[in-house]
Amino acid sequence: MNARENAAAPHGTLLPRHRLIADTALALLAERGMRGLTHRAVDEAAGLPQGSTSNLARTRAALLEAAVRRLAEREAEVLVAGETADITGSGGGRAEAGDLTSADIADALSLALHRYLAGHRRLLVARYELALEATRRPELRAVYDRAGRAFRAPVVAMLRAAGSAAPERHALSMVAWCDGVLFTCIAGQFHAAVPTRAALRASCAELLDGMLRG
């Protein structure tokens, strides 16, 4: 799939131009890395007249920030949707202390991780490109961290609802485990095959049982 195809809406209708540009930037990051992302490259890959990307994101920093914001939107559709949103309460479901078990959380997180690994691998590569660049650009770091809270906050809510005595601290361990699984299965030693949802659920439940036992 090329960058233009990757930036199209499900039924072939192109997204609004600012979203098209951000989606194309993410596709280029996955295909070519940070050095391959230029305003001209986005115009060409998106099939836009030269200068279109510069009109909406005048500087490289602005283009990167647009990519990070779009990344957050697309990750939310994968990681904080459906069952995950329901059990945190953001989808109108339950979120009171004691309402959740480690099995509930493991089921929701394994679904989100497996969905990401099975269908959105290139988006993950773009995320890692942006994460590394954020370590060198303080202004991008702020945008990247703000976007990341969309995943961290639901994890804290789930752990609190499961009776965690230290939901913020436990969330650090849980998010670190999720990030580690994603990286290892995309760019690390286990990149060759996507783990099954059952395997992800079992590993997640083991971690959660250890944290919540006390």
Protein backbone atom coordinates (compact mmCIF):
# COMPACT_ATOMS: atom_id res chain seq x y z
CA MET A 1 0.00 0.00 0.00
CA ASN A 2 1.44 3.38 -0.94
CA ALA A 3 1.13 6.59 1.04
CA ARG A 4 -1.79 7.91 -0.96
CA GLU A 5 -3.78 4.69 -0.58
CA ASN A 6 -3.00 4.64 3.13
CA ALA A 7 -4.43 8.14 3.50
CA ALA A 8 -7.74 7.42 1.83
CA ALA A 9 -11.03 6.95 3.59
CA PRO A 10 -12.52 3.41 3.72
CA HIS A 11 -14.76 3.90 0.69
CA GLY A 12 -12.16 5.67 -1.46
CA THR A 13 -13.12 9.24 -0.57
CA LEU A 14 -10.15 11.30 0.49
CA LEU A 15 -10.23 12.72 3.97
CA PRO A 16 -10.22 16.49 4.58
CA ARG A 17 -6.95 17.97 3.39
CA HIS A 18 -5.35 18.56 6.79
CA ARG A 19 -6.08 14.96 7.76
CA LEU A 20 -4.87 13.68 4.41
CA ILE A 21 -1.59 15.50 4.90
CA ALA A 22 -1.13 14.15 8.42
CA ASP A 23 -2.00 10.60 7.35
CA THR A 24 0.41 10.85 4.44
CA ALA A 25 3.13 12.10 6.77
CA LEU A 26 2.60 9.04 8.98
CA ALA A 27 2.74 6.74 5.95
CA LEU A 28 5.99 8.35 4.80
CA LEU A 29 7.52 8.01 8.25
CA ALA A 30 6.77 4.29 8.17
CA GLU A 31 8.06 3.88 4.61
CA ARG A 32 11.11 6.16 4.57
CA GLY A 33 11.90 7.19 8.12
CA MET A 34 12.35 10.70 9.46
CA ARG A 35 14.71 11.77 6.68
CA GLY A 36 12.14 10.88 4.07
CA LEU A 37 9.50 13.20 5.52
CA THR A 38 9.51 16.53 3.69
CA HIS A 39 6.79 18.92 2.63
CA ARG A 40 7.48 18.12 -1.02
CA ALA A 41 7.35 14.36 -0.35
CA VAL A 42 3.96 14.72 1.35
CA ASP A 43 2.58 16.72 -1.57
CA GLU A 44 3.80 14.12 -4.05
CA ALA A 45 2.64 11.08 -2.09
CA ALA A 46 -0.78 12.61 -1.39
CA GLY A 47 -1.24 13.74 -5.00
CA LEU A 48 -1.54 17.38 -3.96
CA PRO A 49 -0.25 20.47 -5.79
CA GLN A 50 3.22 21.50 -4.70
CA GLY A 51 3.03 23.89 -1.77
CA SER A 52 -0.18 22.42 -0.33
CA THR A 53 1.53 20.92 2.72
CA SER A 54 3.51 24.11 3.36
CA ASN A 55 0.28 26.12 3.31
CA LEU A 56 -1.15 24.04 6.17
CA ALA A 57 2.06 23.25 8.08
CA ARG A 58 4.61 25.92 7.27
CA THR A 59 7.52 24.48 9.23
CA ARG A 60 8.87 20.99 9.78
CA ALA A 61 7.93 21.29 13.44
CA ALA A 62 4.33 22.07 12.48
CA LEU A 63 4.24 19.06 10.15
CA LEU A 64 5.57 16.77 12.88
CA GLU A 65 3.06 18.11 15.38
CA ALA A 66 0.24 17.47 12.91
CA ALA A 67 1.50 13.91 12.49
CA VAL A 68 1.59 13.35 16.27
CA ARG A 69 -1.94 14.67 16.71
CA ARG A 70 -3.24 12.45 13.92
CA LEU A 71 -1.32 9.50 15.37
CA ALA A 72 -3.13 10.04 18.67
CA GLU A 73 -6.50 10.08 16.91
CA ARG A 74 -5.78 6.88 15.03
CA GLU A 75 -4.33 5.11 18.06
CA ALA A 76 -7.42 6.02 20.07
CA GLU A 77 -9.52 4.23 17.46
CA VAL A 78 -7.41 1.12 18.01
CA LEU A 79 -6.39 1.17 21.67
CA VAL A 80 -9.12 3.09 23.49
CA ALA A 81 -12.24 1.92 21.71
CA GLY A 82 -15.12 -0.47 22.20
CA GLU A 83 -14.60 -2.83 25.10
CA THR A 84 -11.73 -0.79 26.56
CA ALA A 85 -13.79 2.40 26.64
CA ASP A 86 -16.76 0.56 28.13
CA ILE A 87 -14.94 -0.80 31.14
CA THR A 88 -13.21 2.49 31.95
CA GLY A 89 -16.50 4.34 31.95
CA SER A 90 -15.62 6.57 28.98
CA GLY A 91 -18.06 4.58 26.91
CA GLY A 92 -20.83 4.77 29.47
CA GLY A 93 -19.93 1.48 31.15
CA ARG A 94 -18.80 0.60 34.63
CA ALA A 95 -15.86 2.22 36.34
CA GLU A 96 -16.53 2.03 40.08
CA ALA A 97 -13.91 0.60 42.42
CA GLY A 98 -14.33 -3.13 42.72
CA ASP A 99 -16.30 -3.47 39.49
CA LEU A 100 -13.40 -4.92 37.48
CA THR A 101 -11.19 -7.96 37.80
CA SER A 102 -7.74 -8.59 36.40
CA ALA A 103 -9.42 -10.86 33.84
CA ASP A 104 -11.61 -7.97 32.64
CA ILE A 105 -8.59 -5.73 32.14
CA ALA A 106 -6.50 -8.46 30.53
CA ASP A 107 -9.32 -9.17 28.10
CA ALA A 108 -9.65 -5.51 27.08
CA LEU A 109 -5.93 -4.82 26.78
CA SER A 110 -5.19 -8.03 24.91
CA LEU A 111 -7.90 -7.12 22.41
CA ALA A 112 -6.41 -3.65 21.89
CA LEU A 113 -2.83 -4.92 21.57
CA HIS A 114 -3.75 -7.75 19.22
CA ARG A 115 -5.83 -5.39 17.07
CA TYR A 116 -2.86 -3.02 16.80
CA LEU A 117 -0.27 -5.71 16.05
CA ALA A 118 -2.45 -7.55 13.56
CA GLY A 119 -3.72 -4.60 11.57
CA HIS A 120 -1.71 -1.45 12.21
CA ARG A 121 1.96 -2.38 12.18
CA ARG A 122 3.03 0.51 9.95
CA LEU A 123 1.33 2.97 12.27
CA LEU A 124 3.51 1.62 15.07
CA VAL A 125 6.66 2.18 13.03
CA ALA A 126 5.60 5.79 12.49
CA ARG A 127 5.00 6.11 16.22
CA TYR A 128 8.55 5.00 17.01
CA GLU A 129 9.99 7.45 14.50
CA LEU A 130 8.06 10.27 16.18
CA ALA A 131 8.96 9.10 19.68
CA LEU A 132 12.66 9.26 18.90
CA GLU A 133 12.32 12.65 17.26
CA ALA A 134 10.47 13.92 20.34
CA THR A 135 13.56 13.22 22.44
CA ARG A 136 15.38 15.86 20.36
CA ARG A 137 12.60 18.45 20.04
CA PRO A 138 11.17 19.81 23.31
CA GLU A 139 8.18 21.35 21.52
CA LEU A 140 7.33 17.99 19.96
CA ARG A 141 7.90 16.23 23.27
CA ALA A 142 5.11 18.28 24.84
CA VAL A 143 2.68 17.38 22.04
CA TYR A 144 3.70 13.72 22.09
CA ASP A 145 3.28 13.43 25.88
CA ARG A 146 -0.09 15.14 25.76
CA ALA A 147 -1.28 12.70 23.11
CA GLY A 148 0.01 9.73 25.10
CA ARG A 149 -2.26 10.52 28.02
CA ALA A 150 -5.20 9.28 25.94
CA PHE A 151 -3.95 5.74 26.56
CA ARG A 152 -2.47 6.16 30.03
CA ALA A 153 -5.58 7.69 31.61
CA PRO A 154 -7.89 4.73 30.75
CA VAL A 155 -5.30 2.30 32.14
CA VAL A 156 -5.24 4.23 35.43
CA ALA A 157 -9.05 4.18 35.48
CA MET A 158 -9.18 0.43 34.86
CA LEU A 159 -6.67 -0.31 37.60
CA ARG A 160 -8.49 1.93 40.05
CA ALA A 161 -11.76 0.18 39.22
CA ALA A 162 -10.06 -3.18 39.81
CA GLY A 163 -9.11 -2.10 43.33
CA SER A 164 -5.45 -1.15 42.81
CA ALA A 165 -3.93 0.42 45.89
CA ALA A 166 -1.58 2.46 43.70
CA PRO A 167 -3.22 2.93 40.30
CA GLU A 168 -0.75 5.53 38.99
CA ARG A 169 2.28 3.41 39.90
CA HIS A 170 0.67 0.24 38.61
CA ALA A 171 -0.27 2.06 35.41
CA LEU A 172 3.41 2.75 34.81
CA SER A 173 4.12 -0.99 34.93
CA MET A 174 1.11 -1.81 32.79
CA VAL A 175 1.83 0.81 30.11
CA ALA A 176 5.50 -0.20 30.09
CA TRP A 177 4.48 -3.82 29.51
CA CYS A 178 2.11 -2.82 26.69
CA ASP A 179 4.75 -0.62 25.06
CA GLY A 180 7.33 -3.38 25.43
CA VAL A 181 5.07 -5.95 23.77
CA LEU A 182 4.33 -3.61 20.88
CA PHE A 183 7.97 -2.72 20.28
CA THR A 184 9.25 -6.28 20.64
CA CYS A 185 6.65 -7.60 18.22
CA ILE A 186 7.23 -4.86 15.65
CA ALA A 187 10.95 -4.09 15.76
CA GLY A 188 12.44 -6.50 18.29
CA GLN A 189 13.19 -10.18 18.62
CA PHE A 190 9.58 -11.32 18.16
CA HIS A 191 8.79 -9.29 15.03
CA ALA A 192 8.28 -12.33 12.80
CA ALA A 193 4.86 -13.36 14.13
CA VAL A 194 1.93 -11.69 15.85
CA PRO A 195 1.21 -13.29 19.23
CA THR A 196 -2.28 -14.67 19.63
CA ARG A 197 -4.80 -12.75 21.65
CA ALA A 198 -4.95 -15.68 24.07
CA ALA A 199 -1.20 -15.46 24.67
CA LEU A 200 -1.39 -11.70 25.22
CA ARG A 201 -4.34 -12.15 27.59
CA ALA A 202 -2.50 -14.77 29.64
CA SER A 203 0.65 -12.65 29.99
CA CYS A 204 -1.34 -9.55 30.87
CA ALA A 205 -3.37 -11.43 33.47
CA GLU A 206 -0.18 -12.77 35.09
CA LEU A 207 1.19 -9.25 35.44
CA LEU A 208 -2.08 -7.89 36.78
CA ASP A 209 -2.54 -10.71 39.28
CA GLY A 210 0.87 -9.93 40.72
CA MET A 211 0.11 -6.22 41.03
CA LEU A 212 -3.41 -6.52 42.41
CA ARG A 213 -2.90 -9.47 44.74
CA GLY A 214 -1.94 -7.27 47.67
